[in-house]
Amino acid sequence: MELNQIVTLAANALYEKKAQDIVALNVSNLTVVTDAMVIASGRNPLQIKALAEEVDDKLAEAGIPLLRKDGHQDARWIVLDYGIVLVHLFHTQEREFYRLDKLWEHDGNRMPLPFDGLDEA
């Protein structure tokens, strides 16, 4: 499965579970750690855990194995590592503090998502 397909699959899973402020960034020219990051927020630890489980279920169904997971215990910042894609799920306060999307957004590397602009009406 290609990078864009994995990103879209993860982002759609988050969108369906009502994640907030979903952003996808192509970071392949900025780091050797991964090619893309999907970043989203949840309102509370319970929702953040549910978001992580939904992403993992959808990607597992597509045959994409989870390599590592961190932060599930406290669920303030959960990272799901799929190799070429990292999924960061934040509690709103942690996201505002760490500002990962601002740190990694550079020269128009934001990836378009199917639902961009739908909730702005």
C-alpha atoms as a PDB file:
ATOM      1  CA  MET A   1       0.000   0.000   0.000  1.00  0.00           C
ATOM      2  CA  GLU A   2       1.289   3.458  -0.898  1.00  0.00           C
ATOM      3  CA  LEU A   3       2.034   6.276   1.527  1.00  0.00           C
ATOM      4  CA  ASN A   4      -0.991   8.392   0.523  1.00  0.00           C
ATOM      5  CA  GLN A   5      -3.318   5.407   0.930  1.00  0.00           C
ATOM      6  CA  ILE A   6      -2.046   4.658   4.442  1.00  0.00           C
ATOM      7  CA  VAL A   7      -2.318   8.315   5.469  1.00  0.00           C
ATOM      8  CA  THR A   8      -5.855   8.550   4.077  1.00  0.00           C
ATOM      9  CA  LEU A   9      -6.918   5.323   5.772  1.00  0.00           C
ATOM     10  CA  ALA A  10      -5.606   6.516   9.160  1.00  0.00           C
ATOM     11  CA  ALA A  11      -7.058  10.009   8.759  1.00  0.00           C
ATOM     12  CA  ASN A  12     -10.475   8.671   7.721  1.00  0.00           C
ATOM     13  CA  ALA A  13     -10.550   6.390  10.773  1.00  0.00           C
ATOM     14  CA  LEU A  14      -9.840   9.413  12.962  1.00  0.00           C
ATOM     15  CA  TYR A  15     -12.461  11.516  11.198  1.00  0.00           C
ATOM     16  CA  GLU A  16     -15.110   8.834  11.653  1.00  0.00           C
ATOM     17  CA  LYS A  17     -14.370   8.720  15.392  1.00  0.00           C
ATOM     18  CA  LYS A  18     -14.699  12.527  15.689  1.00  0.00           C
ATOM     19  CA  ALA A  19     -11.024  13.387  16.194  1.00  0.00           C
ATOM     20  CA  GLN A  20     -10.313  17.104  16.123  1.00  0.00           C
ATOM     21  CA  ASP A  21      -7.962  19.095  13.898  1.00  0.00           C
ATOM     22  CA  ILE A  22      -6.627  16.209  11.792  1.00  0.00           C
ATOM     23  CA  VAL A  23      -3.461  17.112   9.888  1.00  0.00           C
ATOM     24  CA  ALA A  24      -1.246  14.995   7.626  1.00  0.00           C
ATOM     25  CA  LEU A  25       2.289  16.064   6.784  1.00  0.00           C
ATOM     26  CA  ASN A  26       4.766  14.620   4.316  1.00  0.00           C
ATOM     27  CA  VAL A  27       8.057  14.783   6.220  1.00  0.00           C
ATOM     28  CA  SER A  28      10.098  12.549   3.912  1.00  0.00           C
ATOM     29  CA  ASN A  29      12.446  15.437   3.041  1.00  0.00           C
ATOM     30  CA  LEU A  30      12.846  16.500   6.677  1.00  0.00           C
ATOM     31  CA  THR A  31      13.671  13.285   8.562  1.00  0.00           C
ATOM     32  CA  VAL A  32      14.761   9.689   8.043  1.00  0.00           C
ATOM     33  CA  VAL A  33      12.499   8.472  10.854  1.00  0.00           C
ATOM     34  CA  THR A  34       9.289   8.377   8.793  1.00  0.00           C
ATOM     35  CA  ASP A  35       7.768   9.638   5.559  1.00  0.00           C
ATOM     36  CA  ALA A  36       4.512  11.062   6.927  1.00  0.00           C
ATOM     37  CA  MET A  37       2.830  12.089  10.150  1.00  0.00           C
ATOM     38  CA  VAL A  38      -0.863  12.120  10.903  1.00  0.00           C
ATOM     39  CA  ILE A  39      -1.638  14.353  13.880  1.00  0.00           C
ATOM     40  CA  ALA A  40      -4.997  14.690  15.621  1.00  0.00           C
ATOM     41  CA  SER A  41      -6.528  15.688  18.936  1.00  0.00           C
ATOM     42  CA  GLY A  42      -9.030  14.109  21.272  1.00  0.00           C
ATOM     43  CA  ARG A  43     -11.050  15.677  24.069  1.00  0.00           C
ATOM     44  CA  ASN A  44     -10.166  13.213  26.826  1.00  0.00           C
ATOM     45  CA  PRO A  45      -8.018  10.114  27.482  1.00  0.00           C
ATOM     46  CA  LEU A  46     -10.898   7.740  26.791  1.00  0.00           C
ATOM     47  CA  GLN A  47     -11.496   9.221  23.333  1.00  0.00           C
ATOM     48  CA  ILE A  48      -7.762   9.269  22.579  1.00  0.00           C
ATOM     49  CA  LYS A  49      -7.526   5.550  23.385  1.00  0.00           C
ATOM     50  CA  ALA A  50     -10.572   4.877  21.189  1.00  0.00           C
ATOM     51  CA  LEU A  51      -8.972   6.848  18.347  1.00  0.00           C
ATOM     52  CA  ALA A  52      -5.777   4.796  18.644  1.00  0.00           C
ATOM     53  CA  GLU A  53      -7.722   1.530  18.641  1.00  0.00           C
ATOM     54  CA  GLU A  54      -9.767   2.581  15.600  1.00  0.00           C
ATOM     55  CA  VAL A  55      -6.680   3.539  13.588  1.00  0.00           C
ATOM     56  CA  ASP A  56      -4.944   0.306  14.526  1.00  0.00           C
ATOM     57  CA  ASP A  57      -8.019  -1.782  13.646  1.00  0.00           C
ATOM     58  CA  LYS A  58      -8.424  -0.115  10.220  1.00  0.00           C
ATOM     59  CA  LEU A  59      -4.751  -0.385   9.324  1.00  0.00           C
ATOM     60  CA  ALA A  60      -4.540  -3.985  10.576  1.00  0.00           C
ATOM     61  CA  GLU A  61      -7.529  -4.870   8.366  1.00  0.00           C
ATOM     62  CA  ALA A  62      -5.556  -3.429   5.435  1.00  0.00           C
ATOM     63  CA  GLY A  63      -2.546  -5.582   6.333  1.00  0.00           C
ATOM     64  CA  ILE A  64      -0.421  -2.766   7.750  1.00  0.00           C
ATOM     65  CA  PRO A  65       1.251  -3.940  10.963  1.00  0.00           C
ATOM     66  CA  LEU A  66       1.759  -1.730  13.994  1.00  0.00           C
ATOM     67  CA  LEU A  67       5.488  -1.711  14.770  1.00  0.00           C
ATOM     68  CA  ARG A  68       5.384   0.185  18.076  1.00  0.00           C
ATOM     69  CA  LYS A  69       2.922   2.019  20.288  1.00  0.00           C
ATOM     70  CA  ASP A  70       3.699   4.418  23.111  1.00  0.00           C
ATOM     71  CA  GLY A  71       1.671   6.536  25.522  1.00  0.00           C
ATOM     72  CA  HIS A  72      -1.385   4.296  25.753  1.00  0.00           C
ATOM     73  CA  GLN A  73      -1.187   4.124  29.563  1.00  0.00           C
ATOM     74  CA  ASP A  74      -1.811   7.834  30.217  1.00  0.00           C
ATOM     75  CA  ALA A  75      -3.421   8.579  26.842  1.00  0.00           C
ATOM     76  CA  ARG A  76      -2.300  12.205  26.796  1.00  0.00           C
ATOM     77  CA  TRP A  77      -0.084  11.613  23.725  1.00  0.00           C
ATOM     78  CA  ILE A  78      -0.263   8.270  21.949  1.00  0.00           C
ATOM     79  CA  VAL A  79       2.146   7.488  19.108  1.00  0.00           C
ATOM     80  CA  LEU A  80       1.418   4.659  16.668  1.00  0.00           C
ATOM     81  CA  ASP A  81       4.408   3.688  14.524  1.00  0.00           C
ATOM     82  CA  TYR A  82       3.676   2.074  11.163  1.00  0.00           C
ATOM     83  CA  GLY A  83       7.166   2.664   9.756  1.00  0.00           C
ATOM     84  CA  ILE A  84       6.497   5.065   6.900  1.00  0.00           C
ATOM     85  CA  VAL A  85       3.653   6.714   8.848  1.00  0.00           C
ATOM     86  CA  LEU A  86       3.579   7.895  12.458  1.00  0.00           C
ATOM     87  CA  VAL A  87       0.178   8.688  13.980  1.00  0.00           C
ATOM     88  CA  HIS A  88       0.261  11.181  16.875  1.00  0.00           C
ATOM     89  CA  LEU A  89      -2.880  11.452  18.998  1.00  0.00           C
ATOM     90  CA  PHE A  90      -2.867  14.277  21.512  1.00  0.00           C
ATOM     91  CA  HIS A  91      -4.995  15.602  24.298  1.00  0.00           C
ATOM     92  CA  THR A  92      -5.748  19.188  23.272  1.00  0.00           C
ATOM     93  CA  GLN A  93      -3.517  20.712  25.972  1.00  0.00           C
ATOM     94  CA  GLU A  94      -0.512  18.577  25.046  1.00  0.00           C
ATOM     95  CA  ARG A  95      -0.947  19.370  21.372  1.00  0.00           C
ATOM     96  CA  GLU A  96      -0.961  23.099  22.086  1.00  0.00           C
ATOM     97  CA  PHE A  97       2.171  22.701  24.220  1.00  0.00           C
ATOM     98  CA  TYR A  98       4.245  20.528  21.857  1.00  0.00           C
ATOM     99  CA  ARG A  99       2.928  22.033  18.586  1.00  0.00           C
ATOM    100  CA  LEU A 100       4.241  19.091  16.539  1.00  0.00           C
ATOM    101  CA  ASP A 101       2.293  20.064  13.446  1.00  0.00           C
ATOM    102  CA  LYS A 102       3.843  23.554  13.547  1.00  0.00           C
ATOM    103  CA  LEU A 103       7.300  22.070  14.122  1.00  0.00           C
ATOM    104  CA  TRP A 104       7.079  19.725  11.108  1.00  0.00           C
ATOM    105  CA  GLU A 105       4.975  21.802   8.711  1.00  0.00           C
ATOM    106  CA  HIS A 106       7.337  23.227   6.111  1.00  0.00           C
ATOM    107  CA  ASP A 107       7.124  24.515   2.524  1.00  0.00           C
ATOM    108  CA  GLY A 108       3.631  23.241   1.774  1.00  0.00           C
ATOM    109  CA  ASN A 109       4.177  19.673   2.956  1.00  0.00           C
ATOM    110  CA  ARG A 110       0.602  19.369   4.249  1.00  0.00           C
ATOM    111  CA  MET A 111      -1.113  16.423   2.586  1.00  0.00           C
ATOM    112  CA  PRO A 112      -4.700  16.910   1.394  1.00  0.00           C
ATOM    113  CA  LEU A 113      -7.327  14.796   3.134  1.00  0.00           C
ATOM    114  CA  PRO A 114     -10.721  13.783   1.693  1.00  0.00           C
ATOM    115  CA  PHE A 115     -12.676  15.656   4.354  1.00  0.00           C
ATOM    116  CA  ASP A 116     -10.663  18.920   4.354  1.00  0.00           C
ATOM    117  CA  GLY A 117     -13.037  21.863   4.476  1.00  0.00           C
ATOM    118  CA  LEU A 118     -16.184  19.804   5.160  1.00  0.00           C
ATOM    119  CA  ASP A 119     -16.592  20.958   8.772  1.00  0.00           C
ATOM    120  CA  GLU A 120     -15.977  24.653   8.067  1.00  0.00           C
ATOM    121  CA  ALA A 121     -19.460  25.500   6.786  1.00  0.00           C
END
